[in-house]
């Protein structure tokens, strides 16, 4: 019965969020409305809602994104000069995943992982 899970994350500035996800991470716009943004890549969507009072340093927004090409994705983002989380470099984890992580402009944590 369930067909998808779509994370909804806070954003302070529509244009900054759009630019980061489209220009740096390679997503496309699936919907753009006053106070709401939908981006998509490889049929995977993220939704964002406007949160003017968001304190980015206190934001606990997180999403875990599975991929079947972790090394290629990581190296594509490095070549595009996307900033990797200081503690999120590509590595094998004891829980059987190969992962890396990013923080978006609002400090939503994006962790990408692939099973070892």
PDB file of N, CA and C in Angstrom:
ATOM      1  N   UNK A   1       0.789  -1.208   0.000  1.00  0.00           N
ATOM      2  CA  UNK A   1       0.000   0.000   0.000  1.00  0.00           C
ATOM      3  C   UNK A   1       0.831   1.272   0.000  1.00  0.00           C
ATOM      4  N   UNK A   2       1.884   1.336   0.819  1.00  0.00           N
ATOM      5  CA  UNK A   2       2.728   2.527   0.840  1.00  0.00           C
ATOM      6  C   UNK A   2       3.584   2.561  -0.417  1.00  0.00           C
ATOM      7  N   UNK A   3       3.766   3.731  -0.987  1.00  0.00           N
ATOM      8  CA  UNK A   3       4.514   3.815  -2.239  1.00  0.00           C
ATOM      9  C   UNK A   3       5.725   4.740  -2.184  1.00  0.00           C
ATOM     10  N   UNK A   4       5.808   5.630  -1.203  1.00  0.00           N
ATOM     11  CA  UNK A   4       6.952   6.542  -1.133  1.00  0.00           C
ATOM     12  C   UNK A   4       6.972   7.237   0.223  1.00  0.00           C
ATOM     13  N   UNK A   5       8.142   7.685   0.601  1.00  0.00           N
ATOM     14  CA  UNK A   5       8.318   8.557   1.747  1.00  0.00           C
ATOM     15  C   UNK A   5       8.959   9.832   1.224  1.00  0.00           C
ATOM     16  N   UNK A   6       8.389  10.969   1.551  1.00  0.00           N
ATOM     17  CA  UNK A   6       8.907  12.237   1.062  1.00  0.00           C
ATOM     18  C   UNK A   6       9.214  13.135   2.260  1.00  0.00           C
ATOM     19  N   UNK A   7      10.492  13.336   2.538  1.00  0.00           N
ATOM     20  CA  UNK A   7      10.862  14.207   3.650  1.00  0.00           C
ATOM     21  C   UNK A   7      10.424  15.653   3.404  1.00  0.00           C
ATOM     22  N   UNK A   8      10.012  16.314   4.472  1.00  0.00           N
ATOM     23  CA  UNK A   8       9.678  17.738   4.440  1.00  0.00           C
ATOM     24  C   UNK A   8      10.623  18.430   5.408  1.00  0.00           C
ATOM     25  N   UNK A   9      11.435  19.332   4.872  1.00  0.00           N
ATOM     26  CA  UNK A   9      12.478  19.985   5.652  1.00  0.00           C
ATOM     27  C   UNK A   9      12.268  21.494   5.683  1.00  0.00           C
ATOM     28  N   UNK A  10      12.723  22.156   6.732  1.00  0.00           N
ATOM     29  CA  UNK A  10      12.567  23.610   6.807  1.00  0.00           C
ATOM     30  C   UNK A  10      13.593  24.332   5.942  1.00  0.00           C
ATOM     31  N   UNK A  11      13.193  25.496   5.456  1.00  0.00           N
ATOM     32  CA  UNK A  11      14.109  26.367   4.711  1.00  0.00           C
ATOM     33  C   UNK A  11      13.831  27.809   5.132  1.00  0.00           C
ATOM     34  N   UNK A  12      14.871  28.605   5.186  1.00  0.00           N
ATOM     35  CA  UNK A  12      14.708  30.024   5.510  1.00  0.00           C
ATOM     36  C   UNK A  12      14.497  30.865   4.266  1.00  0.00           C
ATOM     37  N   UNK A  13      15.183  30.516   3.184  1.00  0.00           N
ATOM     38  CA  UNK A  13      15.161  31.341   1.971  1.00  0.00           C
ATOM     39  C   UNK A  13      14.944  30.442   0.759  1.00  0.00           C
ATOM     40  N   UNK A  14      13.830  30.634   0.107  1.00  0.00           N
ATOM     41  CA  UNK A  14      13.424  29.818  -1.046  1.00  0.00           C
ATOM     42  C   UNK A  14      14.512  29.785  -2.118  1.00  0.00           C
ATOM     43  N   UNK A  15      15.046  30.943  -2.483  1.00  0.00           N
ATOM     44  CA  UNK A  15      16.026  31.020  -3.567  1.00  0.00           C
ATOM     45  C   UNK A  15      17.349  30.366  -3.187  1.00  0.00           C
ATOM     46  N   UNK A  16      17.795  30.547  -1.973  1.00  0.00           N
ATOM     47  CA  UNK A  16      19.042  29.917  -1.516  1.00  0.00           C
ATOM     48  C   UNK A  16      18.898  28.394  -1.542  1.00  0.00           C
ATOM     49  N   UNK A  17      17.775  27.895  -1.061  1.00  0.00           N
ATOM     50  CA  UNK A  17      17.531  26.448  -1.065  1.00  0.00           C
ATOM     51  C   UNK A  17      17.446  25.925  -2.490  1.00  0.00           C
ATOM     52  N   UNK A  18      16.694  26.611  -3.338  1.00  0.00           N
ATOM     53  CA  UNK A  18      16.580  26.210  -4.745  1.00  0.00           C
ATOM     54  C   UNK A  18      17.954  26.151  -5.395  1.00  0.00           C
ATOM     55  N   UNK A  19      18.732  27.174  -5.210  1.00  0.00           N
ATOM     56  CA  UNK A  19      20.051  27.243  -5.828  1.00  0.00           C
ATOM     57  C   UNK A  19      20.956  26.109  -5.358  1.00  0.00           C
ATOM     58  N   UNK A  20      20.963  25.828  -4.071  1.00  0.00           N
ATOM     59  CA  UNK A  20      21.818  24.763  -3.542  1.00  0.00           C
ATOM     60  C   UNK A  20      21.442  23.408  -4.133  1.00  0.00           C
ATOM     61  N   UNK A  21      20.169  23.088  -4.099  1.00  0.00           N
ATOM     62  CA  UNK A  21      19.748  21.760  -4.554  1.00  0.00           C
ATOM     63  C   UNK A  21      19.809  21.613  -6.069  1.00  0.00           C
ATOM     64  N   UNK A  22      19.508  22.667  -6.803  1.00  0.00           N
ATOM     65  CA  UNK A  22      19.526  22.587  -8.268  1.00  0.00           C
ATOM     66  C   UNK A  22      20.945  22.791  -8.808  1.00  0.00           C
ATOM     67  N   UNK A  23      21.571  23.886  -8.439  1.00  0.00           N
ATOM     68  CA  UNK A  23      22.863  24.243  -9.023  1.00  0.00           C
ATOM     69  C   UNK A  23      24.020  23.412  -8.481  1.00  0.00           C
ATOM     70  N   UNK A  24      23.937  22.971  -7.231  1.00  0.00           N
ATOM     71  CA  UNK A  24      25.061  22.236  -6.656  1.00  0.00           C
ATOM     72  C   UNK A  24      24.825  20.728  -6.580  1.00  0.00           C
ATOM     73  N   UNK A  25      23.602  20.314  -6.234  1.00  0.00           N
ATOM     74  CA  UNK A  25      23.351  18.884  -6.047  1.00  0.00           C
ATOM     75  C   UNK A  25      22.689  18.204  -7.241  1.00  0.00           C
ATOM     76  N   UNK A  26      22.316  18.960  -8.260  1.00  0.00           N
ATOM     77  CA  UNK A  26      21.792  18.359  -9.483  1.00  0.00           C
ATOM     78  C   UNK A  26      20.325  17.965  -9.457  1.00  0.00           C
ATOM     79  N   UNK A  27      19.554  18.508  -8.518  1.00  0.00           N
ATOM     80  CA  UNK A  27      18.118  18.264  -8.500  1.00  0.00           C
ATOM     81  C   UNK A  27      17.441  19.167  -9.528  1.00  0.00           C
ATOM     82  N   UNK A  28      16.210  18.860  -9.870  1.00  0.00           N
ATOM     83  CA  UNK A  28      15.384  19.730 -10.703  1.00  0.00           C
ATOM     84  C   UNK A  28      14.198  20.197  -9.867  1.00  0.00           C
ATOM     85  N   UNK A  29      13.569  21.246 -10.328  1.00  0.00           N
ATOM     86  CA  UNK A  29      12.388  21.772  -9.637  1.00  0.00           C
ATOM     87  C   UNK A  29      11.177  20.950 -10.062  1.00  0.00           C
ATOM     88  N   UNK A  30      10.491  20.386  -9.076  1.00  0.00           N
ATOM     89  CA  UNK A  30       9.249  19.647  -9.337  1.00  0.00           C
ATOM     90  C   UNK A  30       8.038  20.485  -8.964  1.00  0.00           C
ATOM     91  N   UNK A  31       8.252  21.534  -8.191  1.00  0.00           N
ATOM     92  CA  UNK A  31       7.178  22.440  -7.799  1.00  0.00           C
ATOM     93  C   UNK A  31       7.751  23.597  -7.006  1.00  0.00           C
ATOM     94  N   UNK A  32       7.244  24.793  -7.277  1.00  0.00           N
ATOM     95  CA  UNK A  32       7.721  25.981  -6.573  1.00  0.00           C
ATOM     96  C   UNK A  32       6.530  26.884  -6.305  1.00  0.00           C
ATOM     97  N   UNK A  33       6.264  27.126  -5.037  1.00  0.00           N
ATOM     98  CA  UNK A  33       5.088  27.877  -4.617  1.00  0.00           C
ATOM     99  C   UNK A  33       5.498  28.842  -3.525  1.00  0.00           C
ATOM    100  N   UNK A  34       4.653  29.782  -3.214  1.00  0.00           N
ATOM    101  CA  UNK A  34       4.933  30.703  -2.110  1.00  0.00           C
ATOM    102  C   UNK A  34       5.114  29.892  -0.827  1.00  0.00           C
ATOM    103  N   UNK A  35       6.314  29.937  -0.278  1.00  0.00           N
ATOM    104  CA  UNK A  35       6.572  29.259   0.978  1.00  0.00           C
ATOM    105  C   UNK A  35       6.778  27.758   0.882  1.00  0.00           C
ATOM    106  N   UNK A  36       6.872  27.207  -0.329  1.00  0.00           N
ATOM    107  CA  UNK A  36       7.020  25.757  -0.476  1.00  0.00           C
ATOM    108  C   UNK A  36       7.828  25.452  -1.735  1.00  0.00           C
ATOM    109  N   UNK A  37       8.714  24.475  -1.631  1.00  0.00           N
ATOM    110  CA  UNK A  37       9.571  24.097  -2.750  1.00  0.00           C
ATOM    111  C   UNK A  37       9.661  22.577  -2.808  1.00  0.00           C
ATOM    112  N   UNK A  38       9.618  22.031  -4.007  1.00  0.00           N
ATOM    113  CA  UNK A  38       9.778  20.591  -4.218  1.00  0.00           C
ATOM    114  C   UNK A  38      10.908  20.408  -5.231  1.00  0.00           C
ATOM    115  N   UNK A  39      11.914  19.615  -4.831  1.00  0.00           N
ATOM    116  CA  UNK A  39      13.004  19.288  -5.746  1.00  0.00           C
ATOM    117  C   UNK A  39      13.028  17.783  -5.945  1.00  0.00           C
ATOM    118  N   UNK A  40      13.607  17.373  -7.079  1.00  0.00           N
ATOM    119  CA  UNK A  40      13.579  15.960  -7.446  1.00  0.00           C
ATOM    120  C   UNK A  40      14.875  15.585  -8.154  1.00  0.00           C
ATOM    121  N   UNK A  41      15.330  14.375  -7.875  1.00  0.00           N
ATOM    122  CA  UNK A  41      16.460  13.797  -8.600  1.00  0.00           C
ATOM    123  C   UNK A  41      16.259  12.289  -8.612  1.00  0.00           C
ATOM    124  N   UNK A  42      16.358  11.699  -9.782  1.00  0.00           N
ATOM    125  CA  UNK A  42      16.193  10.251  -9.928  1.00  0.00           C
ATOM    126  C   UNK A  42      14.890   9.754  -9.292  1.00  0.00           C
ATOM    127  N   UNK A  43      13.821  10.470  -9.483  1.00  0.00           N
ATOM    128  CA  UNK A  43      12.479  10.142  -8.960  1.00  0.00           C
ATOM    129  C   UNK A  43      12.391  10.222  -7.433  1.00  0.00           C
ATOM    130  N   UNK A  44      13.404  10.791  -6.796  1.00  0.00           N
ATOM    131  CA  UNK A  44      13.434  10.992  -5.354  1.00  0.00           C
ATOM    132  C   UNK A  44      13.130  12.456  -5.080  1.00  0.00           C
ATOM    133  N   UNK A  45      12.144  12.729  -4.237  1.00  0.00           N
ATOM    134  CA  UNK A  45      11.746  14.107  -3.951  1.00  0.00           C
ATOM    135  C   UNK A  45      12.086  14.516  -2.527  1.00  0.00           C
ATOM    136  N   UNK A  46      12.393  15.806  -2.398  1.00  0.00           N
ATOM    137  CA  UNK A  46      12.482  16.481  -1.111  1.00  0.00           C
ATOM    138  C   UNK A  46      11.546  17.675  -1.162  1.00  0.00           C
ATOM    139  N   UNK A  47      10.802  17.881  -0.091  1.00  0.00           N
ATOM    140  CA  UNK A  47       9.918  19.041   0.015  1.00  0.00           C
ATOM    141  C   UNK A  47      10.476  19.975   1.086  1.00  0.00           C
ATOM    142  N   UNK A  48      10.302  21.264   0.869  1.00  0.00           N
ATOM    143  CA  UNK A  48      10.779  22.278   1.811  1.00  0.00           C
ATOM    144  C   UNK A  48       9.652  23.259   2.106  1.00  0.00           C
ATOM    145  N   UNK A  49       9.523  23.612   3.367  1.00  0.00           N
ATOM    146  CA  UNK A  49       8.532  24.598   3.786  1.00  0.00           C
ATOM    147  C   UNK A  49       9.257  25.800   4.381  1.00  0.00           C
ATOM    148  N   UNK A  50       8.694  26.982   4.166  1.00  0.00           N
ATOM    149  CA  UNK A  50       9.308  28.201   4.656  1.00  0.00           C
ATOM    150  C   UNK A  50       9.239  28.256   6.177  1.00  0.00           C
ATOM    151  N   UNK A  51      10.375  28.568   6.786  1.00  0.00           N
ATOM    152  CA  UNK A  51      10.475  28.677   8.240  1.00  0.00           C
ATOM    153  C   UNK A  51      11.343  29.886   8.549  1.00  0.00           C
ATOM    154  N   UNK A  52      10.723  31.066   8.540  1.00  0.00           N
ATOM    155  CA  UNK A  52      11.455  32.320   8.688  1.00  0.00           C
ATOM    156  C   UNK A  52      12.223  32.410   9.999  1.00  0.00           C
ATOM    157  N   UNK A  53      11.720  31.810  11.050  1.00  0.00           N
ATOM    158  CA  UNK A  53      12.355  31.906  12.363  1.00  0.00           C
ATOM    159  C   UNK A  53      13.329  30.764  12.644  1.00  0.00           C
ATOM    160  N   UNK A  54      13.637  29.960  11.656  1.00  0.00           N
ATOM    161  CA  UNK A  54      14.524  28.826  11.845  1.00  0.00           C
ATOM    162  C   UNK A  54      15.914  29.287  12.281  1.00  0.00           C
ATOM    163  N   UNK A  55      16.388  28.732  13.364  1.00  0.00           N
ATOM    164  CA  UNK A  55      17.774  28.915  13.783  1.00  0.00           C
ATOM    165  C   UNK A  55      18.539  27.736  13.188  1.00  0.00           C
ATOM    166  N   UNK A  56      19.268  27.982  12.115  1.00  0.00           N
ATOM    167  CA  UNK A  56      19.915  26.894  11.379  1.00  0.00           C
ATOM    168  C   UNK A  56      20.844  26.071  12.274  1.00  0.00           C
ATOM    169  N   UNK A  57      21.513  26.705  13.214  1.00  0.00           N
ATOM    170  CA  UNK A  57      22.444  25.979  14.094  1.00  0.00           C
ATOM    171  C   UNK A  57      21.715  25.041  15.051  1.00  0.00           C
ATOM    172  N   UNK A  58      20.423  25.260  15.246  1.00  0.00           N
ATOM    173  CA  UNK A  58      19.633  24.395  16.127  1.00  0.00           C
ATOM    174  C   UNK A  58      18.734  23.443  15.337  1.00  0.00           C
ATOM    175  N   UNK A  59      18.829  23.479  14.016  1.00  0.00           N
ATOM    176  CA  UNK A  59      17.985  22.658  13.159  1.00  0.00           C
ATOM    177  C   UNK A  59      18.412  21.192  13.240  1.00  0.00           C
ATOM    178  N   UNK A  60      17.469  20.320  13.539  1.00  0.00           N
ATOM    179  CA  UNK A  60      17.728  18.885  13.610  1.00  0.00           C
ATOM    180  C   UNK A  60      17.209  18.134  12.396  1.00  0.00           C
ATOM    181  N   UNK A  61      16.864  18.852  11.319  1.00  0.00           N
ATOM    182  CA  UNK A  61      16.364  18.197  10.115  1.00  0.00           C
ATOM    183  C   UNK A  61      17.406  17.250   9.537  1.00  0.00           C
ATOM    184  N   UNK A  62      16.991  16.011   9.276  1.00  0.00           N
ATOM    185  CA  UNK A  62      17.901  15.015   8.718  1.00  0.00           C
ATOM    186  C   UNK A  62      17.157  14.122   7.747  1.00  0.00           C
ATOM    187  N   UNK A  63      17.886  13.658   6.746  1.00  0.00           N
ATOM    188  CA  UNK A  63      17.315  12.684   5.819  1.00  0.00           C
ATOM    189  C   UNK A  63      18.434  11.729   5.406  1.00  0.00           C
ATOM    190  N   UNK A  64      18.088  10.459   5.298  1.00  0.00           N
ATOM    191  CA  UNK A  64      19.038   9.436   4.861  1.00  0.00           C
ATOM    192  C   UNK A  64      18.616   9.009   3.466  1.00  0.00           C
ATOM    193  N   UNK A  65      19.528   9.132   2.520  1.00  0.00           N
ATOM    194  CA  UNK A  65      19.226   8.854   1.116  1.00  0.00           C
ATOM    195  C   UNK A  65      20.071   7.673   0.663  1.00  0.00           C
ATOM    196  N   UNK A  66      19.429   6.601   0.271  1.00  0.00           N
ATOM    197  CA  UNK A  66      20.149   5.429  -0.233  1.00  0.00           C
ATOM    198  C   UNK A  66      20.460   5.634  -1.721  1.00  0.00           C
ATOM    199  N   UNK A  67      21.612   5.115  -2.106  1.00  0.00           N
ATOM    200  CA  UNK A  67      22.046   5.193  -3.491  1.00  0.00           C
ATOM    201  C   UNK A  67      22.670   3.864  -3.894  1.00  0.00           C
ATOM    202  N   UNK A  68      22.760   3.621  -5.194  1.00  0.00           N
ATOM    203  CA  UNK A  68      23.446   2.421  -5.666  1.00  0.00           C
ATOM    204  C   UNK A  68      24.763   2.786  -6.352  1.00  0.00           C
ATOM    205  N   UNK A  69      25.191   4.044  -6.171  1.00  0.00           N
ATOM    206  CA  UNK A  69      26.445   4.513  -6.789  1.00  0.00           C
ATOM    207  C   UNK A  69      27.108   5.547  -5.877  1.00  0.00           C
ATOM    208  N   UNK A  70      27.380   5.150  -4.647  1.00  0.00           N
ATOM    209  CA  UNK A  70      27.884   6.089  -3.639  1.00  0.00           C
ATOM    210  C   UNK A  70      29.210   6.734  -4.033  1.00  0.00           C
ATOM    211  N   UNK A  71      30.139   5.954  -4.548  1.00  0.00           N
ATOM    212  CA  UNK A  71      31.448   6.517  -4.905  1.00  0.00           C
ATOM    213  C   UNK A  71      31.325   7.524  -6.046  1.00  0.00           C
ATOM    214  N   UNK A  72      30.573   7.195  -7.067  1.00  0.00           N
ATOM    215  CA  UNK A  72      30.394   8.111  -8.195  1.00  0.00           C
ATOM    216  C   UNK A  72      29.700   9.391  -7.746  1.00  0.00           C
ATOM    217  N   UNK A  73      28.661   9.280  -6.929  1.00  0.00           N
ATOM    218  CA  UNK A  73      27.951  10.453  -6.435  1.00  0.00           C
ATOM    219  C   UNK A  73      28.883  11.338  -5.614  1.00  0.00           C
ATOM    220  N   UNK A  74      29.629  10.728  -4.712  1.00  0.00           N
ATOM    221  CA  UNK A  74      30.561  11.474  -3.869  1.00  0.00           C
ATOM    222  C   UNK A  74      31.575  12.227  -4.730  1.00  0.00           C
ATOM    223  N   UNK A  75      32.176  11.548  -5.673  1.00  0.00           N
ATOM    224  CA  UNK A  75      33.206  12.183  -6.497  1.00  0.00           C
ATOM    225  C   UNK A  75      32.610  13.251  -7.426  1.00  0.00           C
ATOM    226  N   UNK A  76      31.389  13.052  -7.898  1.00  0.00           N
ATOM    227  CA  UNK A  76      30.710  14.094  -8.680  1.00  0.00           C
ATOM    228  C   UNK A  76      30.521  15.352  -7.837  1.00  0.00           C
ATOM    229  N   UNK A  77      30.107  15.190  -6.592  1.00  0.00           N
ATOM    230  CA  UNK A  77      29.889  16.344  -5.715  1.00  0.00           C
ATOM    231  C   UNK A  77      31.211  17.016  -5.345  1.00  0.00           C
ATOM    232  N   UNK A  78      32.241  16.239  -5.130  1.00  0.00           N
ATOM    233  CA  UNK A  78      33.567  16.816  -4.850  1.00  0.00           C
ATOM    234  C   UNK A  78      34.035  17.644  -6.048  1.00  0.00           C
ATOM    235  N   UNK A  79      33.875  17.104  -7.257  1.00  0.00           N
ATOM    236  CA  UNK A  79      34.271  17.841  -8.470  1.00  0.00           C
ATOM    237  C   UNK A  79      33.463  19.125  -8.623  1.00  0.00           C
ATOM    238  N   UNK A  80      32.209  19.098  -8.173  1.00  0.00           N
ATOM    239  CA  UNK A  80      31.353  20.284  -8.246  1.00  0.00           C
ATOM    240  C   UNK A  80      31.617  21.243  -7.081  1.00  0.00           C
ATOM    241  N   UNK A  81      32.576  20.882  -6.228  1.00  0.00           N
ATOM    242  CA  UNK A  81      32.973  21.702  -5.079  1.00  0.00           C
ATOM    243  C   UNK A  81      31.867  21.868  -4.046  1.00  0.00           C
ATOM    244  N   UNK A  82      31.049  20.833  -3.915  1.00  0.00           N
ATOM    245  CA  UNK A  82      30.039  20.818  -2.863  1.00  0.00           C
ATOM    246  C   UNK A  82      30.757  20.523  -1.558  1.00  0.00           C
ATOM    247  N   UNK A  83      30.438  21.294  -0.546  1.00  0.00           N
ATOM    248  CA  UNK A  83      31.095  21.132   0.754  1.00  0.00           C
ATOM    249  C   UNK A  83      30.537  19.901   1.472  1.00  0.00           C
ATOM    250  N   UNK A  84      31.419  18.989   1.801  1.00  0.00           N
ATOM    251  CA  UNK A  84      31.074  17.783   2.548  1.00  0.00           C
ATOM    252  C   UNK A  84      31.096  18.140   4.033  1.00  0.00           C
ATOM    253  N   UNK A  85      30.198  17.546   4.818  1.00  0.00           N
ATOM    254  CA  UNK A  85      30.169  17.790   6.260  1.00  0.00           C
ATOM    255  C   UNK A  85      31.557  17.510   6.833  1.00  0.00           C
ATOM    256  N   UNK A  86      32.049  18.344   7.756  1.00  0.00           N
ATOM    257  CA  UNK A  86      33.396  18.132   8.316  1.00  0.00           C
ATOM    258  C   UNK A  86      33.613  16.736   8.901  1.00  0.00           C
ATOM    259  N   UNK A  87      32.571  16.123   9.419  1.00  0.00           N
ATOM    260  CA  UNK A  87      32.682  14.761   9.958  1.00  0.00           C
ATOM    261  C   UNK A  87      32.015  13.738   9.039  1.00  0.00           C
ATOM    262  N   UNK A  88      31.784  14.118   7.777  1.00  0.00           N
ATOM    263  CA  UNK A  88      30.995  13.265   6.907  1.00  0.00           C
ATOM    264  C   UNK A  88      31.671  12.784   5.647  1.00  0.00           C
ATOM    265  N   UNK A  89      32.994  12.686   5.651  1.00  0.00           N
ATOM    266  CA  UNK A  89      33.687  12.191   4.456  1.00  0.00           C
ATOM    267  C   UNK A  89      33.267  10.751   4.158  1.00  0.00           C
ATOM    268  N   UNK A  90      33.378  10.372   2.925  1.00  0.00           N
ATOM    269  CA  UNK A  90      33.012   9.029   2.490  1.00  0.00           C
ATOM    270  C   UNK A  90      33.803   7.986   3.269  1.00  0.00           C
ATOM    271  N   UNK A  91      33.086   7.063   3.897  1.00  0.00           N
ATOM    272  CA  UNK A  91      33.750   6.003   4.656  1.00  0.00           C
ATOM    273  C   UNK A  91      32.804   4.835   4.871  1.00  0.00           C
ATOM    274  N   UNK A  92      33.393   3.698   5.177  1.00  0.00           N
ATOM    275  CA  UNK A  92      32.620   2.501   5.517  1.00  0.00           C
ATOM    276  C   UNK A  92      32.264   2.558   7.000  1.00  0.00           C
ATOM    277  N   UNK A  93      31.021   2.271   7.310  1.00  0.00           N
ATOM    278  CA  UNK A  93      30.528   2.338   8.683  1.00  0.00           C
ATOM    279  C   UNK A  93      30.364   0.931   9.254  1.00  0.00           C
ATOM    280  N   UNK A  94      30.450   0.796  10.579  1.00  0.00           N
ATOM    281  CA  UNK A  94      30.325  -0.528  11.193  1.00  0.00           C
ATOM    282  C   UNK A  94      28.937  -1.150  11.023  1.00  0.00           C
ATOM    283  N   UNK A  95      27.952  -0.350  10.657  1.00  0.00           N
ATOM    284  CA  UNK A  95      26.594  -0.879  10.456  1.00  0.00           C
ATOM    285  C   UNK A  95      26.361  -1.329   9.019  1.00  0.00           C
ATOM    286  N   UNK A  96      27.453  -1.519   8.258  1.00  0.00           N
ATOM    287  CA  UNK A  96      27.342  -2.117   6.938  1.00  0.00           C
ATOM    288  C   UNK A  96      26.960  -1.172   5.819  1.00  0.00           C
ATOM    289  N   UNK A  97      27.226   0.110   6.008  1.00  0.00           N
ATOM    290  CA  UNK A  97      26.935   1.099   4.977  1.00  0.00           C
ATOM    291  C   UNK A  97      28.207   1.863   4.618  1.00  0.00           C
ATOM    292  N   UNK A  98      28.292   2.301   3.377  1.00  0.00           N
ATOM    293  CA  UNK A  98      29.308   3.248   2.929  1.00  0.00           C
ATOM    294  C   UNK A  98      28.578   4.570   2.810  1.00  0.00           C
ATOM    295  N   UNK A  99      29.046   5.602   3.517  1.00  0.00           N
ATOM    296  CA  UNK A  99      28.271   6.838   3.652  1.00  0.00           C
ATOM    297  C   UNK A  99      29.139   8.088   3.526  1.00  0.00           C
ATOM    298  N   UNK A 100      28.442   9.198   3.212  1.00  0.00           N
ATOM    299  CA  UNK A 100      28.983  10.545   3.379  1.00  0.00           C
ATOM    300  C   UNK A 100      27.820  11.469   3.695  1.00  0.00           C
ATOM    301  N   UNK A 101      28.130  12.670   4.173  1.00  0.00           N
ATOM    302  CA  UNK A 101      27.069  13.574   4.610  1.00  0.00           C
ATOM    303  C   UNK A 101      27.356  15.019   4.205  1.00  0.00           C
ATOM    304  N   UNK A 102      26.280  15.771   4.030  1.00  0.00           N
ATOM    305  CA  UNK A 102      26.328  17.200   3.697  1.00  0.00           C
ATOM    306  C   UNK A 102      25.406  17.954   4.647  1.00  0.00           C
ATOM    307  N   UNK A 103      25.671  19.225   4.819  1.00  0.00           N
ATOM    308  CA  UNK A 103      24.731  20.122   5.478  1.00  0.00           C
ATOM    309  C   UNK A 103      24.268  21.129   4.437  1.00  0.00           C
ATOM    310  N   UNK A 104      22.953  21.269   4.271  1.00  0.00           N
ATOM    311  CA  UNK A 104      22.455  22.258   3.321  1.00  0.00           C
ATOM    312  C   UNK A 104      22.515  23.649   3.968  1.00  0.00           C
ATOM    313  N   UNK A 105      22.116  24.694   3.249  1.00  0.00           N
ATOM    314  CA  UNK A 105      22.226  26.048   3.798  1.00  0.00           C
ATOM    315  C   UNK A 105      21.451  26.269   5.107  1.00  0.00           C
ATOM    316  N   UNK A 106      20.479  25.427   5.397  1.00  0.00           N
ATOM    317  CA  UNK A 106      19.707  25.548   6.636  1.00  0.00           C
ATOM    318  C   UNK A 106      20.117  24.510   7.668  1.00  0.00           C
ATOM    319  N   UNK A 107      21.227  23.848   7.429  1.00  0.00           N
ATOM    320  CA  UNK A 107      21.783  22.815   8.305  1.00  0.00           C
ATOM    321  C   UNK A 107      20.910  21.568   8.393  1.00  0.00           C
ATOM    322  N   UNK A 108      20.123  21.304   7.363  1.00  0.00           N
ATOM    323  CA  UNK A 108      19.485  19.998   7.241  1.00  0.00           C
ATOM    324  C   UNK A 108      20.598  19.022   6.868  1.00  0.00           C
ATOM    325  N   UNK A 109      20.726  17.932   7.615  1.00  0.00           N
ATOM    326  CA  UNK A 109      21.768  16.951   7.368  1.00  0.00           C
ATOM    327  C   UNK A 109      21.299  15.960   6.323  1.00  0.00           C
ATOM    328  N   UNK A 110      22.043  15.829   5.244  1.00  0.00           N
ATOM    329  CA  UNK A 110      21.765  14.862   4.194  1.00  0.00           C
ATOM    330  C   UNK A 110      22.844  13.790   4.271  1.00  0.00           C
ATOM    331  N   UNK A 111      22.475  12.589   4.604  1.00  0.00           N
ATOM    332  CA  UNK A 111      23.416  11.469   4.629  1.00  0.00           C
ATOM    333  C   UNK A 111      23.078  10.552   3.476  1.00  0.00           C
ATOM    334  N   UNK A 112      24.098  10.247   2.658  1.00  0.00           N
ATOM    335  CA  UNK A 112      23.929   9.339   1.517  1.00  0.00           C
ATOM    336  C   UNK A 112      24.599   8.036   1.876  1.00  0.00           C
ATOM    337  N   UNK A 113      23.937   6.910   1.592  1.00  0.00           N
ATOM    338  CA  UNK A 113      24.508   5.631   1.956  1.00  0.00           C
ATOM    339  C   UNK A 113      24.219   4.531   0.958  1.00  0.00           C
ATOM    340  N   UNK A 114      25.119   3.570   0.948  1.00  0.00           N
ATOM    341  CA  UNK A 114      24.978   2.380   0.115  1.00  0.00           C
ATOM    342  C   UNK A 114      25.430   1.182   0.936  1.00  0.00           C
ATOM    343  N   UNK A 115      24.691   0.088   0.838  1.00  0.00           N
ATOM    344  CA  UNK A 115      25.055  -1.124   1.551  1.00  0.00           C
ATOM    345  C   UNK A 115      26.395  -1.652   1.064  1.00  0.00           C
ATOM    346  N   UNK A 116      27.198  -2.120   2.002  1.00  0.00           N
ATOM    347  CA  UNK A 116      28.491  -2.711   1.653  1.00  0.00           C
ATOM    348  C   UNK A 116      28.309  -4.106   1.084  1.00  0.00           C
TER     349      UNK A 116
END
